Amino acid sequence: MSLPEIRSLISQLPRVEQEELLRALAGELRSSASHREPVIDREAWVKKLEQLQSLTAAKKLRPSQEILDELRADRI
């Protein structure tokens, strides 16, 4: 069944049943969203970021934008 067909069927429901359906769907979305969101350990993430930054801090590296510009120039 396509989305337009579902919308058409829903529009034929009485207003009370449309509202009940909306509440049920909203509850389903909230429930499924809470199960899918990863839990991020911010402290561990920051520590890893600092470690990665320390690996390159002392090196003379080219800016990312410069490298991207060269790659784009090669495609032309």
C-alpha atoms as a PDB file:
ATOM      1  CA  MET A   1       0.000   0.000   0.000  1.00  0.00           C
ATOM      2  CA  SER A   2       1.379   3.406  -0.944  1.00  0.00           C
ATOM      3  CA  LEU A   3       1.599   6.441   1.297  1.00  0.00           C
ATOM      4  CA  PRO A   4      -1.064   8.343  -0.698  1.00  0.00           C
ATOM      5  CA  GLU A   5      -3.423   5.364  -0.281  1.00  0.00           C
ATOM      6  CA  ILE A   6      -2.792   5.290   3.450  1.00  0.00           C
ATOM      7  CA  ARG A   7      -3.395   9.044   3.694  1.00  0.00           C
ATOM      8  CA  SER A   8      -6.623   8.661   1.776  1.00  0.00           C
ATOM      9  CA  LEU A   9      -7.835   5.950   4.125  1.00  0.00           C
ATOM     10  CA  ILE A  10      -6.858   7.970   7.188  1.00  0.00           C
ATOM     11  CA  SER A  11      -8.743  11.004   5.888  1.00  0.00           C
ATOM     12  CA  GLN A  12     -11.892   8.859   5.815  1.00  0.00           C
ATOM     13  CA  LEU A  13     -11.607   8.025   9.520  1.00  0.00           C
ATOM     14  CA  PRO A  14     -13.579  10.039  12.064  1.00  0.00           C
ATOM     15  CA  ARG A  15     -11.538  12.829  13.658  1.00  0.00           C
ATOM     16  CA  VAL A  16     -11.358  11.021  17.012  1.00  0.00           C
ATOM     17  CA  GLU A  17      -9.848   7.927  15.378  1.00  0.00           C
ATOM     18  CA  GLN A  18      -7.375  10.071  13.408  1.00  0.00           C
ATOM     19  CA  GLU A  19      -6.201  11.641  16.663  1.00  0.00           C
ATOM     20  CA  GLU A  20      -5.928   8.214  18.312  1.00  0.00           C
ATOM     21  CA  LEU A  21      -3.866   6.944  15.368  1.00  0.00           C
ATOM     22  CA  LEU A  22      -1.613   9.995  15.560  1.00  0.00           C
ATOM     23  CA  ARG A  23      -0.967   9.427  19.272  1.00  0.00           C
ATOM     24  CA  ALA A  24      -0.228   5.750  18.675  1.00  0.00           C
ATOM     25  CA  LEU A  25       2.191   6.486  15.828  1.00  0.00           C
ATOM     26  CA  ALA A  26       3.933   9.222  17.823  1.00  0.00           C
ATOM     27  CA  GLY A  27       4.385   6.789  20.697  1.00  0.00           C
ATOM     28  CA  GLU A  28       5.840   4.176  18.345  1.00  0.00           C
ATOM     29  CA  LEU A  29       8.284   6.680  16.906  1.00  0.00           C
ATOM     30  CA  ARG A  30       9.413   7.840  20.346  1.00  0.00           C
ATOM     31  CA  SER A  31       9.865   4.253  21.461  1.00  0.00           C
ATOM     32  CA  SER A  32      11.838   3.184  18.406  1.00  0.00           C
ATOM     33  CA  ALA A  33      13.962   6.357  18.449  1.00  0.00           C
ATOM     34  CA  SER A  34      14.997   5.800  22.055  1.00  0.00           C
ATOM     35  CA  HIS A  35      16.176   2.284  21.228  1.00  0.00           C
ATOM     36  CA  ARG A  36      18.243   3.376  18.231  1.00  0.00           C
ATOM     37  CA  GLU A  37      20.110   6.367  19.597  1.00  0.00           C
ATOM     38  CA  PRO A  38      23.648   5.410  20.509  1.00  0.00           C
ATOM     39  CA  VAL A  39      24.916   6.391  23.914  1.00  0.00           C
ATOM     40  CA  ILE A  40      28.052   8.464  23.497  1.00  0.00           C
ATOM     41  CA  ASP A  41      30.610   8.589  26.257  1.00  0.00           C
ATOM     42  CA  ARG A  42      31.638  12.214  25.801  1.00  0.00           C
ATOM     43  CA  GLU A  43      34.627  11.941  28.105  1.00  0.00           C
ATOM     44  CA  ALA A  44      36.039   8.972  26.168  1.00  0.00           C
ATOM     45  CA  TRP A  45      35.341  10.726  22.865  1.00  0.00           C
ATOM     46  CA  VAL A  46      37.202  13.873  23.966  1.00  0.00           C
ATOM     47  CA  LYS A  47      40.127  11.790  25.247  1.00  0.00           C
ATOM     48  CA  LYS A  48      40.398   9.970  21.917  1.00  0.00           C
ATOM     49  CA  LEU A  49      40.193  13.269  20.029  1.00  0.00           C
ATOM     50  CA  GLU A  50      43.007  14.697  22.152  1.00  0.00           C
ATOM     51  CA  GLN A  51      45.120  11.598  21.483  1.00  0.00           C
ATOM     52  CA  LEU A  52      44.579  11.928  17.747  1.00  0.00           C
ATOM     53  CA  GLN A  53      45.419  15.629  17.848  1.00  0.00           C
ATOM     54  CA  SER A  54      48.625  14.925  19.762  1.00  0.00           C
ATOM     55  CA  LEU A  55      49.762  12.535  17.020  1.00  0.00           C
ATOM     56  CA  THR A  56      49.818  15.338  14.482  1.00  0.00           C
ATOM     57  CA  ALA A  57      50.465  18.393  16.662  1.00  0.00           C
ATOM     58  CA  ALA A  58      54.254  18.408  16.255  1.00  0.00           C
ATOM     59  CA  LYS A  59      54.260  17.576  12.547  1.00  0.00           C
ATOM     60  CA  LYS A  60      54.266  20.116   9.743  1.00  0.00           C
ATOM     61  CA  LEU A  61      51.137  18.972   7.947  1.00  0.00           C
ATOM     62  CA  ARG A  62      49.404  20.617   5.017  1.00  0.00           C
ATOM     63  CA  PRO A  63      45.944  22.060   5.627  1.00  0.00           C
ATOM     64  CA  SER A  64      43.063  19.851   4.508  1.00  0.00           C
ATOM     65  CA  GLN A  65      41.673  22.616   2.299  1.00  0.00           C
ATOM     66  CA  GLU A  66      44.943  22.773   0.352  1.00  0.00           C
ATOM     67  CA  ILE A  67      44.837  19.026  -0.297  1.00  0.00           C
ATOM     68  CA  LEU A  68      41.181  19.183  -1.344  1.00  0.00           C
ATOM     69  CA  ASP A  69      41.937  22.047  -3.751  1.00  0.00           C
ATOM     70  CA  GLU A  70      44.694  19.975  -5.371  1.00  0.00           C
ATOM     71  CA  LEU A  71      42.409  16.980  -5.748  1.00  0.00           C
ATOM     72  CA  ARG A  72      39.738  19.133  -7.375  1.00  0.00           C
ATOM     73  CA  ALA A  73      42.310  20.668  -9.745  1.00  0.00           C
ATOM     74  CA  ASP A  74      43.403  17.187 -10.826  1.00  0.00           C
ATOM     75  CA  ARG A  75      39.813  16.359 -11.880  1.00  0.00           C
ATOM     76  CA  ILE A  76      39.518  19.378 -14.166  1.00  0.00           C
END
